[in-house]
Amino acid sequence: MSVLAIWTGAAMAPYVPQVQEYFGDVTFRDHGLSASEGRMTTPLEAN
């Protein structure tokens, strides 16, 4: 496992260390701001 694609910003940021504890040394690829109303942003950089 080398990549986790989850929300990592705002209120989700405090949970990232716990995810790393279980999943190890991974790269995070946030998939951006999205909702049922549509996808708004696309992050192009890791972490």
ModelCIF file with pLDDT and N, C-alpha, C, O atoms, coordinates in Angstrom:
data_MODEL
#
_entry.id   MODEL 
#
_entity.id                         1 
_entity.type                       polymer 
_entity.pdbx_number_of_molecules   1 
#
_entity_poly.entity_id                      1 
_entity_poly.type                           'polypeptide(L)' 
_entity_poly.nstd_linkage                   no 
_entity_poly.nstd_monomer                   no 
_entity_poly.pdbx_seq_one_letter_code       MSVLAIWTGAAMAPYVPQVQEYFGDVTFRDHGLSASEGRMTTPLEAN 
_entity_poly.pdbx_seq_one_letter_code_can   MSVLAIWTGAAMAPYVPQVQEYFGDVTFRDHGLSASEGRMTTPLEAN 
_entity_poly.pdbx_strand_id                 A 
#
loop_
_entity_poly_seq.entity_id 
_entity_poly_seq.num 
_entity_poly_seq.mon_id 
_entity_poly_seq.hetero 
1 1  MET n 
1 2  SER n 
1 3  VAL n 
1 4  LEU n 
1 5  ALA n 
1 6  ILE n 
1 7  TRP n 
1 8  THR n 
1 9  GLY n 
1 10 ALA n 
1 11 ALA n 
1 12 MET n 
1 13 ALA n 
1 14 PRO n 
1 15 TYR n 
1 16 VAL n 
1 17 PRO n 
1 18 GLN n 
1 19 VAL n 
1 20 GLN n 
1 21 GLU n 
1 22 TYR n 
1 23 PHE n 
1 24 GLY n 
1 25 ASP n 
1 26 VAL n 
1 27 THR n 
1 28 PHE n 
1 29 ARG n 
1 30 ASP n 
1 31 HIS n 
1 32 GLY n 
1 33 LEU n 
1 34 SER n 
1 35 ALA n 
1 36 SER n 
1 37 GLU n 
1 38 GLY n 
1 39 ARG n 
1 40 MET n 
1 41 THR n 
1 42 THR n 
1 43 PRO n 
1 44 LEU n 
1 45 GLU n 
1 46 ALA n 
1 47 ASN n 
#
_struct_asym.id          A 
_struct_asym.entity_id   1 
#
loop_
_ma_qa_metric.id 
_ma_qa_metric.mode 
_ma_qa_metric.name 
_ma_qa_metric.software_group_id 
_ma_qa_metric.type 
1 global pLDDT . pLDDT 
2 local  pLDDT . pLDDT 
#
_ma_qa_metric_global.metric_id      1 
_ma_qa_metric_global.metric_value   92.66 
_ma_qa_metric_global.model_id       1 
_ma_qa_metric_global.ordinal_id     1 
#
loop_
_ma_qa_metric_local.label_asym_id 
_ma_qa_metric_local.label_comp_id 
_ma_qa_metric_local.label_seq_id 
_ma_qa_metric_local.metric_id 
_ma_qa_metric_local.metric_value 
_ma_qa_metric_local.model_id 
_ma_qa_metric_local.ordinal_id 
A MET 1  2 96.00 1 1  
A SER 2  2 96.00 1 2  
A VAL 3  2 97.00 1 3  
A LEU 4  2 97.00 1 4  
A ALA 5  2 96.00 1 5  
A ILE 6  2 94.00 1 6  
A TRP 7  2 91.00 1 7  
A THR 8  2 92.00 1 8  
A GLY 9  2 87.00 1 9  
A ALA 10 2 79.00 1 10 
A ALA 11 2 76.00 1 11 
A MET 12 2 81.00 1 12 
A ALA 13 2 85.00 1 13 
A PRO 14 2 80.00 1 14 
A TYR 15 2 84.00 1 15 
A VAL 16 2 90.00 1 16 
A PRO 17 2 90.00 1 17 
A GLN 18 2 91.00 1 18 
A VAL 19 2 94.00 1 19 
A GLN 20 2 95.00 1 20 
A GLU 21 2 95.00 1 21 
A TYR 22 2 96.00 1 22 
A PHE 23 2 97.00 1 23 
A GLY 24 2 95.00 1 24 
A ASP 25 2 94.00 1 25 
A VAL 26 2 96.00 1 26 
A THR 27 2 97.00 1 27 
A PHE 28 2 97.00 1 28 
A ARG 29 2 97.00 1 29 
A ASP 30 2 96.00 1 30 
A HIS 31 2 91.00 1 31 
A GLY 32 2 94.00 1 32 
A LEU 33 2 94.00 1 33 
A SER 34 2 92.00 1 34 
A ALA 35 2 88.00 1 35 
A SER 36 2 89.00 1 36 
A GLU 37 2 93.00 1 37 
A GLY 38 2 94.00 1 38 
A ARG 39 2 95.00 1 39 
A MET 40 2 97.00 1 40 
A THR 41 2 98.00 1 41 
A THR 42 2 97.00 1 42 
A PRO 43 2 97.00 1 43 
A LEU 44 2 97.00 1 44 
A GLU 45 2 96.00 1 45 
A ALA 46 2 96.00 1 46 
A ASN 47 2 96.00 1 47 
#
loop_
_atom_site.group_PDB 
_atom_site.id 
_atom_site.type_symbol 
_atom_site.label_atom_id 
_atom_site.label_alt_id 
_atom_site.label_comp_id 
_atom_site.label_asym_id 
_atom_site.label_entity_id 
_atom_site.label_seq_id 
_atom_site.pdbx_PDB_ins_code 
_atom_site.Cartn_x 
_atom_site.Cartn_y 
_atom_site.Cartn_z 
_atom_site.occupancy 
_atom_site.B_iso_or_equiv 
_atom_site.pdbx_formal_charge 
_atom_site.auth_seq_id 
_atom_site.auth_comp_id 
_atom_site.auth_asym_id 
_atom_site.auth_atom_id 
_atom_site.pdbx_PDB_model_num 
ATOM 1   N N  . MET A 1 1  ? 0.843   -1.195 0.000  1.00 96.00 ? 1  MET A N  1 
ATOM 2   C CA . MET A 1 1  ? 0.000   0.000  0.000  1.00 96.00 ? 1  MET A CA 1 
ATOM 3   C C  . MET A 1 1  ? 0.879   1.247  0.000  1.00 96.00 ? 1  MET A C  1 
ATOM 4   O O  . MET A 1 1  ? 1.698   1.432  0.900  1.00 96.00 ? 1  MET A O  1 
ATOM 5   N N  . SER A 1 2  ? 0.712   2.097  -1.003 1.00 96.00 ? 2  SER A N  1 
ATOM 6   C CA . SER A 1 2  ? 1.559   3.293  -1.105 1.00 96.00 ? 2  SER A CA 1 
ATOM 7   C C  . SER A 1 2  ? 0.766   4.595  -1.162 1.00 96.00 ? 2  SER A C  1 
ATOM 8   O O  . SER A 1 2  ? 1.330   5.664  -0.929 1.00 96.00 ? 2  SER A O  1 
ATOM 9   N N  . VAL A 1 3  ? -0.526  4.527  -1.467 1.00 97.00 ? 3  VAL A N  1 
ATOM 10  C CA . VAL A 1 3  ? -1.320  5.740  -1.631 1.00 97.00 ? 3  VAL A CA 1 
ATOM 11  C C  . VAL A 1 3  ? -2.672  5.579  -0.939 1.00 97.00 ? 3  VAL A C  1 
ATOM 12  O O  . VAL A 1 3  ? -3.309  4.530  -1.037 1.00 97.00 ? 3  VAL A O  1 
ATOM 13  N N  . LEU A 1 4  ? -3.097  6.620  -0.245 1.00 97.00 ? 4  LEU A N  1 
ATOM 14  C CA . LEU A 1 4  ? -4.455  6.692  0.297  1.00 97.00 ? 4  LEU A CA 1 
ATOM 15  C C  . LEU A 1 4  ? -5.114  7.944  -0.262 1.00 97.00 ? 4  LEU A C  1 
ATOM 16  O O  . LEU A 1 4  ? -4.553  9.038  -0.196 1.00 97.00 ? 4  LEU A O  1 
ATOM 17  N N  . ALA A 1 5  ? -6.304  7.773  -0.809 1.00 96.00 ? 5  ALA A N  1 
ATOM 18  C CA . ALA A 1 5  ? -7.045  8.895  -1.387 1.00 96.00 ? 5  ALA A CA 1 
ATOM 19  C C  . ALA A 1 5  ? -8.216  9.226  -0.481 1.00 96.00 ? 5  ALA A C  1 
ATOM 20  O O  . ALA A 1 5  ? -9.262  8.578  -0.540 1.00 96.00 ? 5  ALA A O  1 
ATOM 21  N N  . ILE A 1 6  ? -8.037  10.236 0.357  1.00 94.00 ? 6  ILE A N  1 
ATOM 22  C CA . ILE A 1 6  ? -9.065  10.659 1.304  1.00 94.00 ? 6  ILE A CA 1 
ATOM 23  C C  . ILE A 1 6  ? -9.027  12.176 1.408  1.00 94.00 ? 6  ILE A C  1 
ATOM 24  O O  . ILE A 1 6  ? -8.085  12.820 0.944  1.00 94.00 ? 6  ILE A O  1 
ATOM 25  N N  . TRP A 1 7  ? -10.070 12.743 2.027  1.00 91.00 ? 7  TRP A N  1 
ATOM 26  C CA . TRP A 1 7  ? -10.011 14.159 2.374  1.00 91.00 ? 7  TRP A CA 1 
ATOM 27  C C  . TRP A 1 7  ? -8.995  14.340 3.495  1.00 91.00 ? 7  TRP A C  1 
ATOM 28  O O  . TRP A 1 7  ? -9.011  13.599 4.477  1.00 91.00 ? 7  TRP A O  1 
ATOM 29  N N  . THR A 1 8  ? -8.123  15.312 3.352  1.00 92.00 ? 8  THR A N  1 
ATOM 30  C CA . THR A 1 8  ? -7.076  15.538 4.355  1.00 92.00 ? 8  THR A CA 1 
ATOM 31  C C  . THR A 1 8  ? -7.102  16.944 4.935  1.00 92.00 ? 8  THR A C  1 
ATOM 32  O O  . THR A 1 8  ? -6.328  17.244 5.844  1.00 92.00 ? 8  THR A O  1 
ATOM 33  N N  . GLY A 1 9  ? -7.967  17.804 4.438  1.00 87.00 ? 9  GLY A N  1 
ATOM 34  C CA . GLY A 1 9  ? -7.983  19.185 4.899  1.00 87.00 ? 9  GLY A CA 1 
ATOM 35  C C  . GLY A 1 9  ? -9.066  19.451 5.918  1.00 87.00 ? 9  GLY A C  1 
ATOM 36  O O  . GLY A 1 9  ? -9.833  18.560 6.284  1.00 87.00 ? 9  GLY A O  1 
ATOM 37  N N  . ALA A 1 10 ? -9.115  20.700 6.374  1.00 79.00 ? 10 ALA A N  1 
ATOM 38  C CA . ALA A 1 10 ? -10.149 21.209 7.278  1.00 79.00 ? 10 ALA A CA 1 
ATOM 39  C C  . ALA A 1 10 ? -10.364 20.269 8.466  1.00 79.00 ? 10 ALA A C  1 
ATOM 40  O O  . ALA A 1 10 ? -9.406  19.895 9.143  1.00 79.00 ? 10 ALA A O  1 
ATOM 41  N N  . ALA A 1 11 ? -11.619 19.889 8.721  1.00 76.00 ? 11 ALA A N  1 
ATOM 42  C CA . ALA A 1 11 ? -11.932 19.077 9.903  1.00 76.00 ? 11 ALA A CA 1 
ATOM 43  C C  . ALA A 1 11 ? -11.386 17.661 9.815  1.00 76.00 ? 11 ALA A C  1 
ATOM 44  O O  . ALA A 1 11 ? -11.336 16.961 10.826 1.00 76.00 ? 11 ALA A O  1 
ATOM 45  N N  . MET A 1 12 ? -10.970 17.220 8.619  1.00 81.00 ? 12 MET A N  1 
ATOM 46  C CA . MET A 1 12 ? -10.451 15.865 8.466  1.00 81.00 ? 12 MET A CA 1 
ATOM 47  C C  . MET A 1 12 ? -8.971  15.752 8.839  1.00 81.00 ? 12 MET A C  1 
ATOM 48  O O  . MET A 1 12 ? -8.486  14.661 9.137  1.00 81.00 ? 12 MET A O  1 
ATOM 49  N N  . ALA A 1 13 ? -8.261  16.869 8.821  1.00 85.00 ? 13 ALA A N  1 
ATOM 50  C CA . ALA A 1 13 ? -6.807  16.845 9.035  1.00 85.00 ? 13 ALA A CA 1 
ATOM 51  C C  . ALA A 1 13 ? -6.381  16.175 10.344 1.00 85.00 ? 13 ALA A C  1 
ATOM 52  O O  . ALA A 1 13 ? -5.381  15.458 10.350 1.00 85.00 ? 13 ALA A O  1 
ATOM 53  N N  . PRO A 1 14 ? -7.104  16.379 11.458 1.00 80.00 ? 14 PRO A N  1 
ATOM 54  C CA . PRO A 1 14 ? -6.656  15.753 12.713 1.00 80.00 ? 14 PRO A CA 1 
ATOM 55  C C  . PRO A 1 14 ? -6.657  14.229 12.696 1.00 80.00 ? 14 PRO A C  1 
ATOM 56  O O  . PRO A 1 14 ? -6.014  13.604 13.540 1.00 80.00 ? 14 PRO A O  1 
ATOM 57  N N  . TYR A 1 15 ? -7.372  13.622 11.745 1.00 84.00 ? 15 TYR A N  1 
ATOM 58  C CA . TYR A 1 15 ? -7.458  12.159 11.718 1.00 84.00 ? 15 TYR A CA 1 
ATOM 59  C C  . TYR A 1 15 ? -6.356  11.513 10.877 1.00 84.00 ? 15 TYR A C  1 
ATOM 60  O O  . TYR A 1 15 ? -6.186  10.294 10.897 1.00 84.00 ? 15 TYR A O  1 
ATOM 61  N N  . VAL A 1 16 ? -5.610  12.337 10.138 1.00 90.00 ? 16 VAL A N  1 
ATOM 62  C CA . VAL A 1 16 ? -4.564  11.792 9.269  1.00 90.00 ? 16 VAL A CA 1 
ATOM 63  C C  . VAL A 1 16 ? -3.504  11.011 10.050 1.00 90.00 ? 16 VAL A C  1 
ATOM 64  O O  . VAL A 1 16 ? -3.114  9.934  9.597  1.00 90.00 ? 16 VAL A O  1 
ATOM 65  N N  . PRO A 1 17 ? -3.012  11.499 11.213 1.00 90.00 ? 17 PRO A N  1 
ATOM 66  C CA . PRO A 1 17 ? -2.022  10.695 11.963 1.00 90.00 ? 17 PRO A CA 1 
ATOM 67  C C  . PRO A 1 17 ? -2.541  9.330  12.378 1.00 90.00 ? 17 PRO A C  1 
ATOM 68  O O  . PRO A 1 17 ? -1.780  8.363  12.388 1.00 90.00 ? 17 PRO A O  1 
ATOM 69  N N  . GLN A 1 18 ? -3.833  9.227  12.724 1.00 91.00 ? 18 GLN A N  1 
ATOM 70  C CA . GLN A 1 18 ? -4.385  7.930  13.087 1.00 91.00 ? 18 GLN A CA 1 
ATOM 71  C C  . GLN A 1 18 ? -4.431  6.991  11.889 1.00 91.00 ? 18 GLN A C  1 
ATOM 72  O O  . GLN A 1 18 ? -4.170  5.795  12.015 1.00 91.00 ? 18 GLN A O  1 
ATOM 73  N N  . VAL A 1 19 ? -4.766  7.544  10.729 1.00 94.00 ? 19 VAL A N  1 
ATOM 74  C CA . VAL A 1 19 ? -4.758  6.731  9.509  1.00 94.00 ? 19 VAL A CA 1 
ATOM 75  C C  . VAL A 1 19 ? -3.352  6.194  9.257  1.00 94.00 ? 19 VAL A C  1 
ATOM 76  O O  . VAL A 1 19 ? -3.182  5.023  8.920  1.00 94.00 ? 19 VAL A O  1 
ATOM 77  N N  . GLN A 1 20 ? -2.352  7.048  9.420  1.00 95.00 ? 20 GLN A N  1 
ATOM 78  C CA . GLN A 1 20 ? -0.969  6.615  9.201  1.00 95.00 ? 20 GLN A CA 1 
ATOM 79  C C  . GLN A 1 20 ? -0.551  5.528  10.183 1.00 95.00 ? 20 GLN A C  1 
ATOM 80  O O  . GLN A 1 20 ? 0.222   4.635  9.835  1.00 95.00 ? 20 GLN A O  1 
ATOM 81  N N  . GLU A 1 21 ? -1.062  5.604  11.407 1.00 95.00 ? 21 GLU A N  1 
ATOM 82  C CA . GLU A 1 21 ? -0.725  4.580  12.395 1.00 95.00 ? 21 GLU A CA 1 
ATOM 83  C C  . GLU A 1 21 ? -1.163  3.199  11.920 1.00 95.00 ? 21 GLU A C  1 
ATOM 84  O O  . GLU A 1 21 ? -0.452  2.214  12.119 1.00 95.00 ? 21 GLU A O  1 
ATOM 85  N N  . TYR A 1 22 ? -2.324  3.131  11.297 1.00 96.00 ? 22 TYR A N  1 
ATOM 86  C CA . TYR A 1 22 ? -2.843  1.846  10.827 1.00 96.00 ? 22 TYR A CA 1 
ATOM 87  C C  . TYR A 1 22 ? -2.286  1.439  9.462  1.00 96.00 ? 22 TYR A C  1 
ATOM 88  O O  . TYR A 1 22 ? -2.055  0.256  9.209  1.00 96.00 ? 22 TYR A O  1 
ATOM 89  N N  . PHE A 1 23 ? -2.073  2.419  8.588  1.00 97.00 ? 23 PHE A N  1 
ATOM 90  C CA . PHE A 1 23 ? -1.728  2.109  7.200  1.00 97.00 ? 23 PHE A CA 1 
ATOM 91  C C  . PHE A 1 23 ? -0.251  2.299  6.866  1.00 97.00 ? 23 PHE A C  1 
ATOM 92  O O  . PHE A 1 23 ? 0.200   1.906  5.791  1.00 97.00 ? 23 PHE A O  1 
ATOM 93  N N  . GLY A 1 24 ? 0.497   2.898  7.783  1.00 95.00 ? 24 GLY A N  1 
ATOM 94  C CA . GLY A 1 24 ? 1.928   3.018  7.562  1.00 95.00 ? 24 GLY A CA 1 
ATOM 95  C C  . GLY A 1 24 ? 2.325   4.256  6.776  1.00 95.00 ? 24 GLY A C  1 
ATOM 96  O O  . GLY A 1 24 ? 1.572   5.227  6.699  1.00 95.00 ? 24 GLY A O  1 
ATOM 97  N N  . ASP A 1 25 ? 3.499   4.209  6.204  1.00 94.00 ? 25 ASP A N  1 
ATOM 98  C CA . ASP A 1 25 ? 4.091   5.346  5.495  1.00 94.00 ? 25 ASP A CA 1 
ATOM 99  C C  . ASP A 1 25 ? 3.529   5.409  4.080  1.00 94.00 ? 25 ASP A C  1 
ATOM 100 O O  . ASP A 1 25 ? 4.047   4.766  3.167  1.00 94.00 ? 25 ASP A O  1 
ATOM 101 N N  . VAL A 1 26 ? 2.467   6.190  3.907  1.00 96.00 ? 26 VAL A N  1 
ATOM 102 C CA . VAL A 1 26 ? 1.780   6.277  2.614  1.00 96.00 ? 26 VAL A CA 1 
ATOM 103 C C  . VAL A 1 26 ? 1.772   7.718  2.129  1.00 96.00 ? 26 VAL A C  1 
ATOM 104 O O  . VAL A 1 26 ? 1.974   8.652  2.904  1.00 96.00 ? 26 VAL A O  1 
ATOM 105 N N  . THR A 1 27 ? 1.534   7.878  0.834  1.00 97.00 ? 27 THR A N  1 
ATOM 106 C CA . THR A 1 27 ? 1.316   9.196  0.242  1.00 97.00 ? 27 THR A CA 1 
ATOM 107 C C  . THR A 1 27 ? -0.183  9.465  0.214  1.00 97.00 ? 27 THR A C  1 
ATOM 108 O O  . THR A 1 27 ? -0.971  8.581  -0.124 1.00 97.00 ? 27 THR A O  1 
ATOM 109 N N  . PHE A 1 28 ? -0.569  10.669 0.564  1.00 97.00 ? 28 PHE A N  1 
ATOM 110 C CA . PHE A 1 28 ? -1.979  11.035 0.530  1.00 97.00 ? 28 PHE A CA 1 
ATOM 111 C C  . PHE A 1 28 ? -2.286  11.808 -0.750 1.00 97.00 ? 28 PHE A C  1 
ATOM 112 O O  . PHE A 1 28 ? -1.567  12.738 -1.117 1.00 97.00 ? 28 PHE A O  1 
ATOM 113 N N  . ARG A 1 29 ? -3.369  11.406 -1.425 1.00 97.00 ? 29 ARG A N  1 
ATOM 114 C CA . ARG A 1 29 ? -3.843  12.106 -2.614 1.00 97.00 ? 29 ARG A CA 1 
ATOM 115 C C  . ARG A 1 29 ? -5.289  12.532 -2.363 1.00 97.00 ? 29 ARG A C  1 
ATOM 116 O O  . ARG A 1 29 ? -6.230  11.789 -2.642 1.00 97.00 ? 29 ARG A O  1 
ATOM 117 N N  . ASP A 1 30 ? -5.439  13.726 -1.839 1.00 96.00 ? 30 ASP A N  1 
ATOM 118 C CA . ASP A 1 30 ? -6.775  14.279 -1.586 1.00 96.00 ? 30 ASP A CA 1 
ATOM 119 C C  . ASP A 1 30 ? -7.515  14.394 -2.913 1.00 96.00 ? 30 ASP A C  1 
ATOM 120 O O  . ASP A 1 30 ? -6.952  14.849 -3.909 1.00 96.00 ? 30 ASP A O  1 
ATOM 121 N N  . HIS A 1 31 ? -8.787  13.978 -2.922 1.00 91.00 ? 31 HIS A N  1 
ATOM 122 C CA . HIS A 1 31 ? -9.496  14.068 -4.202 1.00 91.00 ? 31 HIS A CA 1 
ATOM 123 C C  . HIS A 1 31 ? -10.366 15.303 -4.330 1.00 91.00 ? 31 HIS A C  1 
ATOM 124 O O  . HIS A 1 31 ? -11.246 15.362 -5.189 1.00 91.00 ? 31 HIS A O  1 
ATOM 125 N N  . GLY A 1 32 ? -10.124 16.291 -3.478 1.00 94.00 ? 32 GLY A N  1 
ATOM 126 C CA . GLY A 1 32 ? -10.680 17.606 -3.751 1.00 94.00 ? 32 GLY A CA 1 
ATOM 127 C C  . GLY A 1 32 ? -12.052 17.850 -3.170 1.00 94.00 ? 32 GLY A C  1 
ATOM 128 O O  . GLY A 1 32 ? -12.654 16.978 -2.544 1.00 94.00 ? 32 GLY A O  1 
ATOM 129 N N  . LEU A 1 33 ? -12.528 19.056 -3.391 1.00 94.00 ? 33 LEU A N  1 
ATOM 130 C CA . LEU A 1 33 ? -13.833 19.476 -2.902 1.00 94.00 ? 33 LEU A CA 1 
ATOM 131 C C  . LEU A 1 33 ? -14.917 18.912 -3.816 1.00 94.00 ? 33 LEU A C  1 
ATOM 132 O O  . LEU A 1 33 ? -14.954 19.188 -5.015 1.00 94.00 ? 33 LEU A O  1 
ATOM 133 N N  . SER A 1 34 ? -15.785 18.125 -3.220 1.00 92.00 ? 34 SER A N  1 
ATOM 134 C CA . SER A 1 34 ? -16.877 17.538 -3.995 1.00 92.00 ? 34 SER A CA 1 
ATOM 135 C C  . SER A 1 34 ? -18.076 17.341 -3.079 1.00 92.00 ? 34 SER A C  1 
ATOM 136 O O  . SER A 1 34 ? -17.939 17.250 -1.859 1.00 92.00 ? 34 SER A O  1 
ATOM 137 N N  . ALA A 1 35 ? -19.230 17.279 -3.681 1.00 88.00 ? 35 ALA A N  1 
ATOM 138 C CA . ALA A 1 35 ? -20.481 17.070 -2.945 1.00 88.00 ? 35 ALA A CA 1 
ATOM 139 C C  . ALA A 1 35 ? -21.479 16.481 -3.920 1.00 88.00 ? 35 ALA A C  1 
ATOM 140 O O  . ALA A 1 35 ? -21.177 16.302 -5.101 1.00 88.00 ? 35 ALA A O  1 
ATOM 141 N N  . SER A 1 36 ? -22.666 16.180 -3.425 1.00 89.00 ? 36 SER A N  1 
ATOM 142 C CA . SER A 1 36 ? -23.708 15.678 -4.327 1.00 89.00 ? 36 SER A CA 1 
ATOM 143 C C  . SER A 1 36 ? -24.010 16.688 -5.422 1.00 89.00 ? 36 SER A C  1 
ATOM 144 O O  . SER A 1 36 ? -24.434 16.316 -6.516 1.00 89.00 ? 36 SER A O  1 
ATOM 145 N N  . GLU A 1 37 ? -23.792 17.964 -5.131 1.00 93.00 ? 37 GLU A N  1 
ATOM 146 C CA . GLU A 1 37 ? -24.053 19.015 -6.116 1.00 93.00 ? 37 GLU A CA 1 
ATOM 147 C C  . GLU A 1 37 ? -23.026 19.036 -7.234 1.00 93.00 ? 37 GLU A C  1 
ATOM 148 O O  . GLU A 1 37 ? -23.248 19.676 -8.261 1.00 93.00 ? 37 GLU A O  1 
ATOM 149 N N  . GLY A 1 38 ? -21.900 18.344 -7.052 1.00 94.00 ? 38 GLY A N  1 
ATOM 150 C CA . GLY A 1 38 ? -20.906 18.282 -8.119 1.00 94.00 ? 38 GLY A CA 1 
ATOM 151 C C  . GLY A 1 38 ? -19.487 18.295 -7.575 1.00 94.00 ? 38 GLY A C  1 
ATOM 152 O O  . GLY A 1 38 ? -19.263 18.574 -6.398 1.00 94.00 ? 38 GLY A O  1 
ATOM 153 N N  . ARG A 1 39 ? -18.533 17.990 -8.446 1.00 95.00 ? 39 ARG A N  1 
ATOM 154 C CA . ARG A 1 39 ? -17.117 18.110 -8.109 1.00 95.00 ? 39 ARG A CA 1 
ATOM 155 C C  . ARG A 1 39 ? -16.649 19.513 -8.452 1.00 95.00 ? 39 ARG A C  1 
ATOM 156 O O  . ARG A 1 39 ? -16.946 20.041 -9.524 1.00 95.00 ? 39 ARG A O  1 
ATOM 157 N N  . MET A 1 40 ? -15.912 20.107 -7.520 1.00 97.00 ? 40 MET A N  1 
ATOM 158 C CA . MET A 1 40 ? -15.502 21.491 -7.701 1.00 97.00 ? 40 MET A CA 1 
ATOM 159 C C  . MET A 1 40 ? -13.997 21.634 -7.974 1.00 97.00 ? 40 MET A C  1 
ATOM 160 O O  . MET A 1 40 ? -13.604 22.370 -8.879 1.00 97.00 ? 40 MET A O  1 
ATOM 161 N N  . THR A 1 41 ? -13.162 20.942 -7.208 1.00 98.00 ? 41 THR A N  1 
ATOM 162 C CA . THR A 1 41 ? -11.721 21.119 -7.365 1.00 98.00 ? 41 THR A CA 1 
ATOM 163 C C  . THR A 1 41 ? -11.022 19.782 -7.576 1.00 98.00 ? 41 THR A C  1 
ATOM 164 O O  . THR A 1 41 ? -11.534 18.729 -7.196 1.00 98.00 ? 41 THR A O  1 
ATOM 165 N N  . THR A 1 42 ? -9.849  19.846 -8.186 1.00 97.00 ? 42 THR A N  1 
ATOM 166 C CA . THR A 1 42 ? -9.028  18.671 -8.448 1.00 97.00 ? 42 THR A CA 1 
ATOM 167 C C  . THR A 1 42 ? -7.600  18.947 -7.991 1.00 97.00 ? 42 THR A C  1 
ATOM 168 O O  . THR A 1 42 ? -6.871  19.669 -8.671 1.00 97.00 ? 42 THR A O  1 
ATOM 169 N N  . PRO A 1 43 ? -7.179  18.386 -6.847 1.00 97.00 ? 43 PRO A N  1 
ATOM 170 C CA . PRO A 1 43 ? -5.780  18.528 -6.434 1.00 97.00 ? 43 PRO A CA 1 
ATOM 171 C C  . PRO A 1 43 ? -4.862  17.769 -7.397 1.00 97.00 ? 43 PRO A C  1 
ATOM 172 O O  . PRO A 1 43 ? -5.143  16.627 -7.759 1.00 97.00 ? 43 PRO A O  1 
ATOM 173 N N  . LEU A 1 44 ? -3.789  18.396 -7.799 1.00 97.00 ? 44 LEU A N  1 
ATOM 174 C CA . LEU A 1 44 ? -2.845  17.781 -8.735 1.00 97.00 ? 44 LEU A CA 1 
ATOM 175 C C  . LEU A 1 44 ? -1.535  17.396 -8.060 1.00 97.00 ? 44 LEU A C  1 
ATOM 176 O O  . LEU A 1 44 ? -0.680  16.766 -8.683 1.00 97.00 ? 44 LEU A O  1 
ATOM 177 N N  . GLU A 1 45 ? -1.367  17.770 -6.780 1.00 96.00 ? 45 GLU A N  1 
ATOM 178 C CA . GLU A 1 45 ? -0.139  17.489 -6.053 1.00 96.00 ? 45 GLU A CA 1 
ATOM 179 C C  . GLU A 1 45 ? -0.404  16.511 -4.916 1.00 96.00 ? 45 GLU A C  1 
ATOM 180 O O  . GLU A 1 45 ? -1.511  16.455 -4.379 1.00 96.00 ? 45 GLU A O  1 
ATOM 181 N N  . ALA A 1 46 ? 0.622   15.741 -4.553 1.00 96.00 ? 46 ALA A N  1 
ATOM 182 C CA . ALA A 1 46 ? 0.513   14.804 -3.442 1.00 96.00 ? 46 ALA A CA 1 
ATOM 183 C C  . ALA A 1 46 ? 0.522   15.553 -2.114 1.00 96.00 ? 46 ALA A C  1 
ATOM 184 O O  . ALA A 1 46 ? 1.092   16.638 -1.999 1.00 96.00 ? 46 ALA A O  1 
ATOM 185 N N  . ASN A 1 47 ? -0.125  14.949 -1.107 1.00 96.00 ? 47 ASN A N  1 
ATOM 186 C CA . ASN A 1 47 ? -0.127  15.472 0.263  1.00 96.00 ? 47 ASN A CA 1 
ATOM 187 C C  . ASN A 1 47 ? -0.587  16.927 0.317  1.00 96.00 ? 47 ASN A C  1 
ATOM 188 O O  . ASN A 1 47 ? -0.645  17.516 1.396  1.00 96.00 ? 47 ASN A O  1 
#
